[in-house]
Protein backbone atom coordinates (compact mmCIF):
# COMPACT_ATOMS: atom_id res chain seq x y z
CA UNK A 1 83.47 32.74 51.91
CA UNK A 2 86.86 30.90 52.39
CA UNK A 3 88.21 31.25 55.92
CA UNK A 4 91.85 30.07 56.47
CA UNK A 5 93.83 29.55 59.70
CA UNK A 6 97.64 29.46 59.18
CA UNK A 7 100.08 28.32 61.84
CA UNK A 8 101.15 30.86 64.52
CA UNK A 9 104.77 31.86 63.77
CA UNK A 10 105.28 33.98 66.89
CA UNK A 11 107.91 32.57 69.35
CA UNK A 12 106.47 30.89 72.47
CA UNK A 13 102.91 30.77 70.88
CA UNK A 14 100.95 27.65 71.38
CA UNK A 15 97.40 28.75 70.55
CA UNK A 16 95.39 28.44 67.37
CA UNK A 17 92.66 30.73 66.11
CA UNK A 18 90.06 28.09 65.45
CA UNK A 19 89.27 24.84 67.24
CA UNK A 20 87.43 21.77 65.65
CA UNK A 21 84.21 22.48 67.52
CA UNK A 22 84.03 25.99 66.16
CA UNK A 23 85.13 24.86 62.66
CA UNK A 24 82.10 22.52 62.77
CA UNK A 25 79.74 25.40 63.53
CA UNK A 26 81.22 27.60 60.70
CA UNK A 27 81.03 24.90 58.09
CA UNK A 28 77.51 24.03 59.10
CA UNK A 29 76.63 27.70 58.58
CA UNK A 30 77.97 27.69 55.09
CA UNK A 31 81.55 28.88 55.47
CA UNK A 32 84.50 27.06 53.80
CA UNK A 33 87.32 26.59 56.26
CA UNK A 34 90.90 25.53 55.64
CA UNK A 35 93.49 24.94 58.22
CA UNK A 36 97.27 24.73 57.66
CA UNK A 37 98.65 21.26 58.47
CA UNK A 38 99.75 21.16 62.13
CA UNK A 39 98.32 24.54 63.08
CA UNK A 40 96.51 23.07 66.01
CA UNK A 41 99.00 20.55 67.37
CA UNK A 42 100.52 22.73 70.08
CA UNK A 43 96.89 23.24 71.41
CA UNK A 44 96.33 19.49 71.26
CA UNK A 45 93.99 19.61 68.12
CA UNK A 46 95.23 17.29 65.47
CA UNK A 47 94.56 17.58 61.67
CA UNK A 48 92.12 14.62 61.81
CA UNK A 49 89.89 16.48 64.30
CA UNK A 50 89.71 19.43 61.90
CA UNK A 51 88.92 17.28 58.98
CA UNK A 52 86.12 15.50 60.82
CA UNK A 53 84.69 18.97 61.52
CA UNK A 54 84.63 19.75 57.82
CA UNK A 55 87.77 21.70 57.31
CA UNK A 56 90.39 21.07 54.55
CA UNK A 57 93.96 20.65 55.48
CA UNK A 58 96.55 22.52 53.38
CA UNK A 59 100.31 22.24 53.51
CA UNK A 60 101.28 25.30 51.39
CA UNK A 61 101.43 28.38 53.54
CA UNK A 62 101.72 30.70 50.53
CA UNK A 63 98.66 29.23 48.93
CA UNK A 64 96.67 29.65 52.23
CA UNK A 65 97.30 33.38 52.26
CA UNK A 66 96.79 33.76 48.54
CA UNK A 67 93.39 31.98 48.40
CA UNK A 68 91.72 33.05 51.57
CA UNK A 69 88.92 35.56 51.77
CA UNK A 70 89.45 35.78 55.52
CA UNK A 71 92.64 34.90 57.47
CA UNK A 72 92.02 34.20 61.18
CA UNK A 73 94.99 34.21 63.51
CA UNK A 74 95.94 34.84 67.10
CA UNK A 75 98.97 37.12 66.26
CA UNK A 76 99.10 39.12 63.17
CA UNK A 77 101.04 37.57 60.16
CA UNK A 78 104.42 38.95 59.29
CA UNK A 79 104.77 41.52 56.37
CA UNK A 80 105.60 38.92 53.67
CA UNK A 81 102.50 36.85 54.52
CA UNK A 82 100.25 39.99 54.45
CA UNK A 83 101.73 40.85 51.06
CA UNK A 84 100.57 37.49 49.78
CA UNK A 85 96.93 38.07 50.63
CA UNK A 86 94.30 38.90 47.93
CA UNK A 87 93.48 42.49 47.56
CA UNK A 88 90.34 43.25 49.70
CA UNK A 89 90.72 40.06 51.76
CA UNK A 90 90.17 40.33 55.51
CA UNK A 91 92.50 39.75 58.42
CA UNK A 92 91.25 39.26 61.97
CA UNK A 93 93.71 38.88 64.76
CA UNK A 94 95.37 40.68 67.61
CA UNK A 95 97.16 43.69 66.04
CA UNK A 96 97.92 46.29 68.77
CA UNK A 97 97.89 48.78 66.00
CA UNK A 98 98.65 51.91 68.02
CA UNK A 99 102.11 50.59 68.83
CA UNK A 100 102.72 48.62 65.56
CA UNK A 101 102.76 51.10 62.71
CA UNK A 102 104.84 48.66 60.46
CA UNK A 103 101.92 46.22 60.55
CA UNK A 104 99.38 48.80 59.69
CA UNK A 105 101.56 49.79 56.79
CA UNK A 106 101.71 46.23 55.62
CA UNK A 107 97.95 45.94 55.58
CA UNK A 108 97.73 49.27 53.79
CA UNK A 109 100.12 48.37 51.10
CA UNK A 110 98.37 45.01 50.49
CA UNK A 111 95.08 46.75 50.09
CA UNK A 112 93.36 44.42 52.62
CA UNK A 113 90.96 45.11 55.42
CA UNK A 114 92.04 44.29 59.04
CA UNK A 115 90.09 43.94 62.34
CA UNK A 116 91.90 43.77 65.67
CA UNK A 117 90.68 41.60 68.37
CA UNK A 118 92.35 43.87 71.00
CA UNK A 119 90.26 46.83 69.67
CA UNK A 120 86.84 45.19 70.16
CA UNK A 121 84.91 47.86 72.21
CA UNK A 122 84.15 46.96 75.86
CA UNK A 123 80.30 47.20 75.58
CA UNK A 124 77.72 44.67 76.78
CA UNK A 125 76.83 43.17 73.51
CA UNK A 126 80.50 42.57 72.60
CA UNK A 127 81.27 40.62 75.58
CA UNK A 128 81.32 37.32 73.68
CA UNK A 129 83.88 38.85 71.43
CA UNK A 130 86.20 40.10 74.14
CA UNK A 131 89.35 38.13 73.58
CA UNK A 132 91.42 40.43 75.91
CA UNK A 133 89.10 39.37 78.78
CA UNK A 134 88.89 35.61 77.87
CA UNK A 135 92.77 35.45 77.71
CA UNK A 136 93.40 37.60 80.72
CA UNK A 137 91.06 35.39 82.86
CA UNK A 138 93.25 32.43 82.10
CA UNK A 139 96.49 34.24 82.64
CA UNK A 140 95.32 35.40 86.08
CA UNK A 141 94.64 31.81 87.07
CA UNK A 142 97.94 30.57 85.73
CA UNK A 143 99.95 33.41 87.24
CA UNK A 144 99.21 32.35 90.76
CA UNK A 145 100.12 28.65 90.06
CA UNK A 146 103.45 29.85 88.44
CA UNK A 147 104.33 32.03 91.32
CA UNK A 148 103.25 29.26 93.88
CA UNK A 149 105.48 26.83 92.08
CA UNK A 150 108.50 28.95 92.45
CA UNK A 151 107.99 29.60 96.12
CA UNK A 152 109.54 27.33 98.81
CA UNK A 153 106.39 27.11 100.87
CA UNK A 154 102.75 26.35 100.58
CA UNK A 155 99.86 28.88 100.33
CA UNK A 156 97.34 27.70 102.89
CA UNK A 157 97.47 27.51 106.69
CA UNK A 158 98.12 23.91 107.86
CA UNK A 159 98.10 22.59 111.20
CA UNK A 160 100.12 19.56 111.82
CA UNK A 161 101.40 17.53 114.89
CA UNK A 162 104.75 19.33 114.26
CA UNK A 163 103.26 22.76 114.38
CA UNK A 164 101.15 25.17 112.33
CA UNK A 165 102.23 26.72 109.06
CA UNK A 166 101.04 30.22 108.50
CA UNK A 167 99.27 31.08 105.28
CA UNK A 168 101.18 32.79 102.53
CA UNK A 169 100.49 36.49 101.78
CA UNK A 170 99.78 37.41 98.14
CA UNK A 171 99.71 41.06 97.02
CA UNK A 172 98.10 41.76 93.64
CA UNK A 173 98.38 45.00 91.71
CA UNK A 174 95.20 45.54 89.48
CA UNK A 175 91.68 44.25 89.90
CA UNK A 176 90.87 43.88 86.18
CA UNK A 177 89.94 40.55 84.78
CA UNK A 178 93.39 39.04 85.29
CA UNK A 179 93.66 40.40 88.80
CA UNK A 180 90.25 39.23 89.88
CA UNK A 181 90.92 35.72 88.63
CA UNK A 182 94.27 35.85 90.36
CA UNK A 183 92.51 36.84 93.71
CA UNK A 184 90.07 34.04 93.30
CA UNK A 185 92.72 31.41 92.62
CA UNK A 186 95.02 32.61 95.51
CA UNK A 187 92.04 32.54 97.92
CA UNK A 188 91.06 29.02 96.78
CA UNK A 189 94.60 27.85 97.44
CA UNK A 190 94.31 29.31 100.96
CA UNK A 191 96.47 32.47 100.76
CA UNK A 192 95.91 35.77 102.47
CA UNK A 193 95.24 38.22 99.52
CA UNK A 194 95.71 41.98 99.50
CA UNK A 195 94.88 44.04 96.35
CA UNK A 196 95.86 47.39 95.09
CA UNK A 197 93.90 49.21 92.23
CA UNK A 198 93.81 52.91 91.17
CA UNK A 199 89.92 52.55 90.66
CA UNK A 200 88.02 52.79 93.89
CA UNK A 201 84.97 51.03 92.29
CA UNK A 202 86.88 47.72 92.26
CA UNK A 203 86.95 47.58 96.11
CA UNK A 204 83.53 45.81 96.23
CA UNK A 205 84.64 43.21 93.63
CA UNK A 206 87.83 42.56 95.56
CA UNK A 207 85.95 42.00 98.91
CA UNK A 208 83.43 39.71 97.19
CA UNK A 209 86.34 37.39 96.36
CA UNK A 210 87.81 37.52 99.86
CA UNK A 211 90.61 39.97 99.21
CA UNK A 212 91.59 42.99 101.32
CA UNK A 213 91.58 46.18 99.32
CA UNK A 214 94.58 48.58 99.72
CA UNK A 215 92.87 51.84 99.12
CA UNK A 216 94.72 54.77 97.41
CA UNK A 217 92.67 57.93 97.23
CA UNK A 218 91.89 58.57 93.62
CA UNK A 219 92.52 61.85 91.84
CA UNK A 220 91.77 63.69 88.66
CA UNK A 221 94.88 62.41 86.91
CA UNK A 222 93.33 59.03 86.26
CA UNK A 223 91.92 58.84 82.73
CA UNK A 224 89.32 56.15 81.87
CA UNK A 225 88.00 55.26 78.54
CA UNK A 226 85.88 52.34 77.51
CA UNK A 227 86.43 50.54 80.70
CA UNK A 228 90.29 50.87 80.45
CA UNK A 229 92.71 53.04 82.32
CA UNK A 230 94.07 55.35 79.54
CA UNK A 231 96.49 57.52 81.72
CA UNK A 232 97.63 58.23 85.17
CA UNK A 233 100.06 60.80 86.61
CA UNK A 234 103.56 60.12 88.03
CA UNK A 235 102.51 61.74 91.19
CA UNK A 236 99.62 59.32 91.68
CA UNK A 237 101.87 56.29 90.85
CA UNK A 238 104.45 57.50 93.49
CA UNK A 239 101.69 57.86 96.13
CA UNK A 240 100.42 54.30 95.28
CA UNK A 241 104.01 52.98 95.56
CA UNK A 242 104.52 54.61 98.97
CA UNK A 243 101.17 53.15 100.40
CA UNK A 244 101.79 49.53 99.10
CA UNK A 245 105.43 49.35 99.95
CA UNK A 246 104.87 48.00 103.41
CA UNK A 247 102.46 45.37 102.13
CA UNK A 248 105.05 44.31 99.55
CA UNK A 249 107.70 44.03 102.29
CA UNK A 250 105.52 41.37 104.07
CA UNK A 251 104.41 39.49 100.96
CA UNK A 252 105.38 36.04 99.86
CA UNK A 253 103.96 36.53 96.30
CA UNK A 254 103.53 39.79 94.35
CA UNK A 255 101.58 39.65 91.07
CA UNK A 256 101.30 42.87 88.84
CA UNK A 257 98.74 43.18 85.99
CA UNK A 258 98.60 46.85 85.07
CA UNK A 259 98.49 47.83 81.44
CA UNK A 260 97.68 51.11 79.63
CA UNK A 261 96.64 50.42 76.10
CA UNK A 262 99.03 51.90 73.57
CA UNK A 263 101.48 53.00 76.19
CA UNK A 264 104.38 51.63 78.28
CA UNK A 265 103.23 49.71 81.38
CA UNK A 266 103.49 51.85 84.56
CA UNK A 267 106.13 51.11 87.05
CA UNK A 268 104.56 49.88 90.36
CA UNK A 269 107.37 47.86 92.03
CA UNK A 270 110.65 49.79 92.40
CA UNK A 271 114.05 48.40 92.84
CA UNK A 272 113.92 49.47 96.47
CA UNK A 273 110.62 47.51 96.89
CA UNK A 274 112.25 44.39 95.43
CA UNK A 275 115.22 44.80 97.84
CA UNK A 276 112.92 45.08 100.83
CA UNK A 277 111.15 41.86 100.22
CA UNK A 278 111.75 38.59 102.12
CA UNK A 279 114.37 36.19 100.97
CA UNK A 280 112.52 33.49 98.98
CA UNK A 281 109.53 35.58 97.96
CA UNK A 282 108.30 35.71 94.27
CA UNK A 283 107.23 38.40 91.99
CA UNK A 284 105.28 37.77 88.69
CA UNK A 285 105.16 40.71 86.22
CA UNK A 286 102.22 40.19 83.87
CA UNK A 287 103.11 43.37 82.05
CA UNK A 288 106.59 42.50 81.03
CA UNK A 289 105.96 42.53 77.34
CA UNK A 290 104.85 46.17 77.55
CA UNK A 291 107.79 47.38 79.59
CA UNK A 292 106.88 45.84 82.91
CA UNK A 293 105.44 46.89 86.21
CA UNK A 294 108.47 45.68 88.03
CA UNK A 295 111.88 47.36 87.79
CA UNK A 296 114.41 44.55 86.76
CA UNK A 297 111.92 42.09 85.34
CA UNK A 298 113.17 40.53 82.07
CA UNK A 299 111.00 39.30 79.27
CA UNK A 300 110.62 35.58 79.06
CA UNK A 301 113.11 35.00 81.80
CA UNK A 302 112.98 33.94 85.50
CA UNK A 303 115.70 35.74 87.50
CA UNK A 304 116.83 36.10 91.04
CA UNK A 305 117.47 39.49 92.75
CA UNK A 306 118.68 39.62 96.36
CA UNK A 307 116.94 36.28 96.99
CA UNK A 308 113.67 37.30 95.27
CA UNK A 309 112.52 35.39 92.16
CA UNK A 310 111.12 37.59 89.39
CA UNK A 311 109.12 35.88 86.64
CA UNK A 312 108.74 37.65 83.30
CA UNK A 313 106.61 35.33 81.08
CA UNK A 314 105.26 37.34 78.16
CA UNK A 315 102.51 34.95 77.03
CA UNK A 316 100.82 33.30 79.99
CA UNK A 317 97.59 32.30 78.05
CA UNK A 318 99.85 30.27 75.74
CA UNK A 319 100.79 28.07 78.56
CA UNK A 320 97.17 26.95 78.75
CA UNK A 321 96.74 26.61 74.95
CA UNK A 322 93.74 24.14 74.87
CA UNK A 323 91.47 26.40 76.92
CA UNK A 324 92.96 29.50 75.57
CA UNK A 325 92.31 28.45 72.03
CA UNK A 326 88.79 27.28 72.79
CA UNK A 327 87.87 30.64 74.21
CA UNK A 328 89.75 32.66 71.64
CA UNK A 329 87.98 30.68 68.79
CA UNK A 330 84.59 31.39 70.18
CA UNK A 331 85.48 35.06 70.48
CA UNK A 332 86.67 35.38 66.86
CA UNK A 333 83.77 33.31 65.63
CA UNK A 334 81.25 35.64 67.32
CA UNK A 335 83.03 38.67 65.79
CA UNK A 336 83.10 37.19 62.30
CA UNK A 337 79.43 36.19 62.39
CA UNK A 338 78.60 39.63 63.57
CA UNK A 339 80.52 41.21 60.68
CA UNK A 340 79.57 38.95 57.89
CA UNK A 341 77.37 36.17 56.45
CA UNK A 342 78.77 33.15 54.92
CA UNK A 343 78.68 34.97 51.56
CA UNK A 344 79.95 38.52 52.28
CA UNK A 345 80.78 41.19 54.88
CA UNK A 346 78.20 43.72 55.86
CA UNK A 347 80.57 46.78 56.12
CA UNK A 348 78.31 48.87 58.29
CA UNK A 349 81.17 51.37 59.24
CA UNK A 350 78.85 53.29 61.62
CA UNK A 351 78.04 50.32 63.81
CA UNK A 352 79.95 50.46 67.21
CA UNK A 353 81.71 47.05 66.97
CA UNK A 354 82.61 47.34 63.31
CA UNK A 355 83.90 50.90 63.74
CA UNK A 356 85.70 50.10 67.00
CA UNK A 357 87.63 47.00 65.79
CA UNK A 358 88.30 47.92 62.20
CA UNK A 359 91.85 49.27 61.69
CA UNK A 360 92.38 49.24 57.96
CA UNK A 361 89.56 49.12 55.33
CA UNK A 362 90.47 48.14 51.80
CA UNK A 363 93.97 49.54 52.24
CA UNK A 364 92.94 52.71 54.08
CA UNK A 365 93.82 53.28 57.72
CA UNK A 366 90.58 54.16 59.47
CA UNK A 367 90.87 53.55 63.29
CA UNK A 368 91.20 56.73 65.51
CA UNK A 369 94.15 55.26 67.42
CA UNK A 370 96.34 55.24 64.28
CA UNK A 371 94.94 58.48 62.67
CA UNK A 372 96.17 60.66 65.59
C-alpha cells in the first residue's frame, strides 16, 4: 500500500500529516511512504529526516495524487487534487463534511473513499485516534499564552518592595479539552480562573484544576451526542450570558471555546459585554472560524474595541506545528492501522470506528451527517 503525504495548501497551515518517527513505524510495518518535497519544513521536519525514516521524496504534486493508494493530510485537498486521485483510492484528513458539501461532491465524483478525522467517534478505544482532542489540547495551552502576551500586566500575584501586584482574573467559556488545558495553563501562570460550561458534570473537573465554576442551571434544551454538545436553546444562552456578564466585567482575559459540530458557534459574549470590560483587557475567540463566540471578533485578526483587544486566530494548533504534527501523525497512524493492513483495507462497514469516520465509500456518500 502506497501512502503519500502532499504539502498542506491551506493558508496559515504549518502542520504536516506524518512525521519522520511515524513514517519509520509505517515503513517498518510494510507500508510504502512518499512525502512531497518540503511538506514538513513548516513543522521543522526536513526532507532528509523523512528519507532517513524510509520515505521517498517526490517533487511532482500531480504524480503524488495520481499514484497514491492513500492520501494523508491535515486539511482536505482542493477539488482539482481530489480529481487527480486514482479511483477507489482513500483520503484521510479533516473534512468537516456536514458543512462542506462541495468537498463531499468532489470525493463522490472522483470515485474515492474518504475518512474524516473530525468524525472519529468519541469512544474509549478510539482515544488514540482523536485528533480533535489532541489539537484542542495544544490550542488551549497556546490561547492563554497569546492572551497573556497581549495584556499589559502579568498573571500571577507578585509582592515587591514597591507594592503588591494583584493576580489577573481569567474567565474561560467551555470546559472541554481546550478549556481544561486553558484552565491548567492559566493556573500554572498564577491567574485566578473562573469557568462557565453548560454541562454541570464538568464542575468537578474545573475544581480539580483549581478553577472556580460559574454554575448555570441546566435545562432540557441542551442536546448531547457522543460527548459533544449538539444543540442549545437561545433562552438558555441568554440566561448564561446574564449570569457571566458580571464576571466578564471584572476579567482581565476572556477565552471562549464553545463549538457545536456542523453548526455556527453560539454567541456567548455580546457587544454590551465587550463594552463593559476594563480598558486593556483581552478576549480570545477560539471559535472564530465557525462564526465566533464573541460579537465583533474577526477571523485571523487582532482588533481593538473600546480599549479591549479581541484575538481571532482561526488555527491555533498550527502555531505549535512541531507538537501538533507529532500528535496528529500518531492519531492518523492509529486510525490507518485500525482500518487496514499494509496490503489492503478491511472495509468492515458495521464496525463503530469505520462506520463513524467514513464519509464517502468508493464514490458513494455514506455518513449520516451528509445523508440528512
